[in-house]
Amino acid sequence: MQTQTTESSARLLNAVAIVTGGASGIGHGIALEFAREGAAVAILDLNRVGAEGTVQEIQKEGGKAVAVTADVTDSGQVEAAVRSAAAQLGEASVLVNCAGFNQLAPANELPAGLWEKIRAINLDGPWYCANAVMPAMIRRRAGKILNIASGVAILAAPNSAPYCAAKAGLIGLTRALALDLAPYGINVNCVCPGSVNTPLVQQAMSPAFLQKLVEITPFARLATPRDIAQATVFLCSSDANYITGVVLPVDGGLTCGMRWPTQTE
C-alpha cells in the first residue's frame, strides 16, 4: 500500500498490528487504514472467509496482511492465533480489540446465556488478546493496545444492559492496563464510537430508526468506519506516544451532552 501513502502518512510504517473483528464493519475499516499507513496487519476473526477477504483487499493495494482464525472468548485459541501471526509477520507491536457483539433485549427479558455471551466477546476477549501480546511488548518495552468500546459505555442505551455493562467494563480495563503497563512503555487507550454506518447496521435497523440516530447526533450523520479508523491510527502511532488511559468518543458529539430543544425546534 505504499502507493497510497503521502508525505504526511505512513504513520504505522514497520508496525505489526493485530486487529480483532477485522473481517467486517469497523474492524475491516481499521485493518484497511492501518495497511494504508504502512502496517503489516493480522486479521484475527472467527469468520475465516471474511478475514481472508480483508486480506485480499489489502494485498490488492500492495499491503501486507494475513488471516488468523480464533474465537476471542477462548484464551487458548487467542494465544495460538497470536503465535501464528508472529510467525508470519513478526511479533505484534499494536493490538486493536475490535471484535464485538450485541443483541437487543429488555433487561427483564434477557434470553438465557445472552449476558454471558455478550460479556465474553466484548470484555473477556479483549483481556485474552491483551494478555497474549503483553509478554512480547513488555520484553521490548514498547507497544500500543487500543480497545474499541462504544458510546453506550458513556451513556446507556435501551435494551442493551449486557452490552452497556461489558463496554463500560472495557473502559475500566483500559485504564487499569494503562497504569500497569506504563512502566514498560506500553500505551493503552480506548475509542468509543457512536452510530457507525456499516452493512450490519443497515441490515439490523430500519431506515426510520437510522434517521432518528442521525437526528440526535450533533453532526447530523452516522460515522463511517474510516472516521473511527483514522482516530485509531493516531492513537496507535508515535504521535500518541505520551497518551495513555484515554477514552476518546468518536461519535459526532453524541455523548457530549443532552440535546435540549431550541427555540426554533
Protein backbone atom coordinates (compact mmCIF):
# COMPACT_ATOMS: atom_id res chain seq x y z
CA MET A 1 0.00 0.00 0.00
CA GLN A 2 2.94 2.33 -0.25
CA THR A 3 1.38 3.67 -3.44
CA GLN A 4 -1.41 5.23 -1.35
CA THR A 5 0.76 6.93 1.22
CA THR A 6 1.67 10.59 1.15
CA GLU A 7 4.38 12.68 2.77
CA SER A 8 2.26 13.02 5.90
CA SER A 9 1.11 9.40 6.04
CA ALA A 10 2.83 6.06 6.67
CA ARG A 11 2.40 6.74 10.38
CA LEU A 12 2.45 3.00 11.10
CA LEU A 13 5.41 2.09 8.92
CA ASN A 14 7.16 -1.04 10.28
CA ALA A 15 4.32 -1.72 12.75
CA VAL A 16 2.85 -5.20 13.07
CA ALA A 17 -0.79 -4.90 14.06
CA ILE A 18 -3.35 -7.47 15.16
CA VAL A 19 -6.92 -6.31 14.52
CA THR A 20 -9.65 -8.47 16.01
CA GLY A 21 -13.01 -8.43 14.25
CA GLY A 22 -11.28 -7.30 11.07
CA ALA A 23 -13.47 -9.36 8.77
CA SER A 24 -16.23 -6.75 8.66
CA GLY A 25 -17.56 -3.42 9.87
CA ILE A 26 -15.37 -1.14 11.97
CA GLY A 27 -12.60 -3.72 12.27
CA HIS A 28 -12.46 -4.08 8.50
CA GLY A 29 -12.13 -0.31 8.13
CA ILE A 30 -9.36 -0.19 10.76
CA ALA A 31 -7.43 -3.01 9.09
CA LEU A 32 -7.55 -1.25 5.71
CA GLU A 33 -6.50 2.09 7.19
CA PHE A 34 -3.64 0.52 9.14
CA ALA A 35 -2.31 -1.12 5.99
CA ARG A 36 -2.54 2.17 4.10
CA GLU A 37 -0.45 3.72 6.86
CA GLY A 38 2.27 1.12 6.38
CA ALA A 39 1.46 -1.56 8.96
CA ALA A 40 1.55 -5.29 8.35
CA VAL A 41 -1.83 -6.48 9.61
CA ALA A 42 -3.05 -9.76 11.06
CA ILE A 43 -6.83 -10.07 10.80
CA LEU A 44 -7.94 -12.12 13.82
CA ASP A 45 -11.52 -13.22 13.36
CA LEU A 46 -13.74 -16.25 13.79
CA ASN A 47 -15.07 -15.54 10.29
CA ARG A 48 -12.22 -17.01 8.25
CA VAL A 49 -13.79 -16.24 4.87
CA GLY A 50 -14.40 -12.61 5.80
CA ALA A 51 -10.89 -12.25 7.25
CA GLU A 52 -9.35 -13.62 4.06
CA GLY A 53 -11.47 -11.17 2.08
CA THR A 54 -9.99 -8.28 4.05
CA VAL A 55 -6.51 -9.70 3.47
CA GLN A 56 -7.15 -9.84 -0.27
CA GLU A 57 -8.30 -6.21 -0.31
CA ILE A 58 -5.12 -5.14 1.46
CA GLN A 59 -2.90 -7.21 -0.80
CA LYS A 60 -4.55 -5.82 -3.94
CA GLU A 61 -3.43 -2.36 -2.82
CA GLY A 62 0.12 -3.54 -2.17
CA GLY A 63 -0.15 -4.06 1.59
CA LYS A 64 0.89 -6.98 3.75
CA ALA A 65 -1.69 -8.95 5.71
CA VAL A 66 -2.59 -12.42 6.94
CA ALA A 67 -5.73 -14.00 8.36
CA VAL A 68 -5.67 -15.90 11.65
CA THR A 69 -8.73 -17.68 12.97
CA ALA A 70 -9.76 -17.57 16.61
CA ASP A 71 -12.76 -17.27 18.88
CA VAL A 72 -11.76 -14.37 21.16
CA THR A 73 -13.70 -15.93 24.04
CA ASP A 74 -11.27 -18.88 24.06
CA SER A 75 -7.90 -17.91 25.54
CA GLY A 76 -6.17 -20.95 24.06
CA GLN A 77 -7.34 -20.08 20.54
CA VAL A 78 -6.28 -16.47 21.03
CA GLU A 79 -2.78 -17.44 22.16
CA ALA A 80 -2.40 -19.80 19.19
CA ALA A 81 -3.57 -17.10 16.78
CA VAL A 82 -1.13 -14.55 18.22
CA ARG A 83 1.70 -17.07 17.83
CA SER A 84 0.64 -17.74 14.23
CA ALA A 85 0.56 -14.03 13.43
CA ALA A 86 4.02 -13.58 14.94
CA ALA A 87 5.41 -16.47 12.89
CA GLN A 88 4.11 -14.88 9.69
CA LEU A 89 4.59 -11.15 10.29
CA GLY A 90 6.71 -10.76 13.43
CA GLU A 91 5.65 -10.01 16.99
CA ALA A 92 2.77 -7.60 17.33
CA SER A 93 3.63 -4.01 18.20
CA VAL A 94 -0.04 -2.97 18.03
CA LEU A 95 -3.24 -4.68 19.15
CA VAL A 96 -6.69 -3.35 18.32
CA ASN A 97 -9.53 -5.11 20.15
CA CYS A 98 -12.49 -4.54 17.86
CA ALA A 99 -14.39 -7.84 17.88
CA GLY A 100 -17.80 -7.23 19.37
CA PHE A 101 -21.35 -8.49 19.59
CA ASN A 102 -24.73 -7.20 20.76
CA GLN A 103 -28.31 -8.41 20.73
CA LEU A 104 -31.09 -6.10 21.84
CA ALA A 105 -33.41 -7.25 24.61
CA PRO A 106 -35.04 -5.58 27.63
CA ALA A 107 -33.17 -6.26 30.86
CA ASN A 108 -36.15 -8.13 32.30
CA GLU A 109 -36.43 -10.37 29.22
CA LEU A 110 -32.84 -11.42 28.54
CA PRO A 111 -32.62 -14.84 26.86
CA ALA A 112 -30.68 -17.44 28.84
CA GLY A 113 -26.95 -17.14 28.27
CA LEU A 114 -27.08 -13.77 26.47
CA TRP A 115 -25.42 -11.88 29.33
CA GLU A 116 -22.53 -14.34 29.37
CA LYS A 117 -22.11 -14.34 25.58
CA ILE A 118 -22.05 -10.55 25.28
CA ARG A 119 -19.66 -10.19 28.22
CA ALA A 120 -17.37 -12.92 26.89
CA ILE A 121 -16.99 -11.36 23.43
CA ASN A 122 -16.85 -7.69 24.44
CA LEU A 123 -14.86 -7.86 27.68
CA ASP A 124 -13.21 -11.25 28.19
CA GLY A 125 -11.98 -11.30 24.59
CA PRO A 126 -10.05 -8.03 24.81
CA TRP A 127 -8.44 -9.25 28.04
CA TYR A 128 -7.38 -12.55 26.47
CA CYS A 129 -5.93 -10.75 23.45
CA ALA A 130 -4.10 -8.16 25.55
CA ASN A 131 -2.76 -10.90 27.80
CA ALA A 132 -1.45 -12.78 24.76
CA VAL A 133 0.53 -9.83 23.32
CA MET A 134 1.74 -8.35 26.62
CA PRO A 135 4.81 -10.56 27.17
CA ALA A 136 6.46 -9.55 23.88
CA MET A 137 5.53 -5.88 24.36
CA ILE A 138 6.90 -5.91 27.90
CA ARG A 139 10.10 -7.53 26.70
CA ARG A 140 10.53 -4.85 24.02
CA ARG A 141 9.31 -2.12 26.42
CA ALA A 142 7.04 -0.72 23.75
CA GLY A 143 3.61 -1.35 22.29
CA LYS A 144 0.14 0.02 21.65
CA ILE A 145 -3.10 -1.59 22.82
CA LEU A 146 -6.34 0.02 21.69
CA ASN A 147 -9.78 -1.11 22.81
CA ILE A 148 -12.89 -0.28 20.80
CA ALA A 149 -15.70 0.29 23.30
CA SER A 150 -18.88 2.22 22.49
CA GLY A 151 -20.79 5.38 23.16
CA VAL A 152 -23.18 3.28 25.26
CA ALA A 153 -20.34 2.78 27.74
CA ILE A 154 -20.66 6.52 28.43
CA LEU A 155 -24.42 7.00 28.07
CA ALA A 156 -26.53 3.84 28.30
CA ALA A 157 -28.97 2.83 25.57
CA PRO A 158 -32.29 1.00 25.99
CA ASN A 159 -32.46 -2.79 25.67
CA SER A 160 -28.67 -3.17 25.87
CA ALA A 161 -27.85 -3.85 29.53
CA PRO A 162 -25.23 -6.58 28.92
CA TYR A 163 -23.58 -4.60 26.13
CA CYS A 164 -23.53 -1.35 28.12
CA ALA A 165 -22.03 -3.16 31.10
CA ALA A 166 -19.40 -5.01 29.07
CA LYS A 167 -18.29 -1.90 27.20
CA ALA A 168 -18.14 0.12 30.41
CA GLY A 169 -16.02 -2.69 31.82
CA LEU A 170 -13.74 -2.36 28.80
CA ILE A 171 -13.16 1.29 29.71
CA GLY A 172 -12.20 0.17 33.21
CA LEU A 173 -9.87 -2.47 31.79
CA THR A 174 -8.28 0.15 29.54
CA ARG A 175 -7.45 2.43 32.44
CA ALA A 176 -6.20 -0.39 34.65
CA LEU A 177 -3.90 -1.76 31.94
CA ALA A 178 -2.69 1.76 31.15
CA LEU A 179 -1.46 2.10 34.72
CA ASP A 180 0.06 -1.37 34.99
CA LEU A 181 1.81 -1.27 31.61
CA ALA A 182 3.06 2.33 31.66
CA PRO A 183 6.37 1.32 33.31
CA TYR A 184 7.08 -0.79 30.22
CA GLY A 185 6.38 2.00 27.72
CA ILE A 186 3.11 0.45 26.56
CA ASN A 187 0.22 2.76 25.69
CA VAL A 188 -3.33 1.53 26.34
CA ASN A 189 -6.24 3.63 25.11
CA CYS A 190 -9.89 3.32 24.17
CA VAL A 191 -12.11 4.66 21.41
CA CYS A 192 -15.88 4.90 21.88
CA PRO A 193 -17.69 5.03 18.53
CA GLY A 194 -21.20 6.34 18.23
CA SER A 195 -23.51 5.10 15.49
CA VAL A 196 -21.46 3.77 12.59
CA ASN A 197 -22.84 3.14 9.11
CA THR A 198 -21.84 -0.46 8.42
CA PRO A 199 -23.60 -3.15 6.34
CA LEU A 200 -24.59 -4.94 9.55
CA VAL A 201 -26.23 -1.78 10.93
CA GLN A 202 -28.07 -1.26 7.64
CA GLN A 203 -29.41 -4.82 7.84
CA ALA A 204 -30.32 -4.75 11.53
CA MET A 205 -32.02 -1.37 11.73
CA SER A 206 -34.89 0.17 9.83
CA PRO A 207 -34.38 3.33 7.75
CA ALA A 208 -36.69 5.19 10.15
CA PHE A 209 -34.59 4.18 13.16
CA LEU A 210 -31.35 5.13 11.39
CA GLN A 211 -32.86 8.53 10.59
CA LYS A 212 -33.61 9.04 14.29
CA LEU A 213 -29.97 8.26 15.10
CA VAL A 214 -28.93 10.90 12.60
CA GLU A 215 -31.30 13.43 14.16
CA ILE A 216 -29.90 13.00 17.68
CA THR A 217 -26.28 13.25 16.51
CA PRO A 218 -24.97 16.86 16.56
CA PHE A 219 -23.03 16.32 13.31
CA ALA A 220 -26.29 15.03 11.76
CA ARG A 221 -24.82 11.94 10.14
CA LEU A 222 -23.68 8.46 11.03
CA ALA A 223 -19.97 7.79 11.29
CA THR A 224 -18.18 5.87 8.57
CA PRO A 225 -15.77 3.06 9.52
CA ARG A 226 -12.97 5.34 8.29
CA ASP A 227 -13.96 8.03 10.80
CA ILE A 228 -13.21 5.52 13.55
CA ALA A 229 -10.16 4.11 11.80
CA GLN A 230 -8.43 7.47 11.48
CA ALA A 231 -8.71 8.04 15.24
CA THR A 232 -7.25 4.60 15.89
CA VAL A 233 -4.32 5.28 13.58
CA PHE A 234 -3.45 8.37 15.60
CA LEU A 235 -3.64 6.57 18.95
CA CYS A 236 -1.54 3.67 17.66
CA SER A 237 1.13 5.87 16.06
CA SER A 238 4.17 7.59 17.53
CA ASP A 239 2.12 10.82 17.51
CA ALA A 240 0.39 9.45 20.63
CA ASN A 241 3.46 8.18 22.49
CA TYR A 242 2.63 10.29 25.57
CA ILE A 243 -1.07 9.43 25.60
CA THR A 244 -2.33 6.54 27.70
CA GLY A 245 -5.51 5.68 29.61
CA VAL A 246 -7.55 7.95 27.34
CA VAL A 247 -11.20 7.25 26.48
CA LEU A 248 -11.92 9.05 23.20
CA PRO A 249 -15.51 9.35 21.94
CA VAL A 250 -15.63 9.36 18.15
CA ASP A 251 -19.35 9.94 17.87
CA GLY A 252 -20.11 13.24 16.15
CA GLY A 253 -20.88 14.81 19.53
CA LEU A 254 -23.49 12.23 20.51
CA THR A 255 -22.29 11.78 24.10
CA CYS A 256 -21.07 15.32 24.82
CA GLY A 257 -24.39 16.47 26.28
CA MET A 258 -28.17 16.27 26.30
CA ARG A 259 -29.95 17.54 23.22
CA TRP A 260 -32.42 20.05 24.56
CA PRO A 261 -34.98 21.51 22.15
CA THR A 262 -34.16 25.01 20.92
CA GLN A 263 -36.50 27.91 20.28
CA THR A 264 -36.53 27.06 16.56
CA GLU A 265 -37.39 23.36 17.02
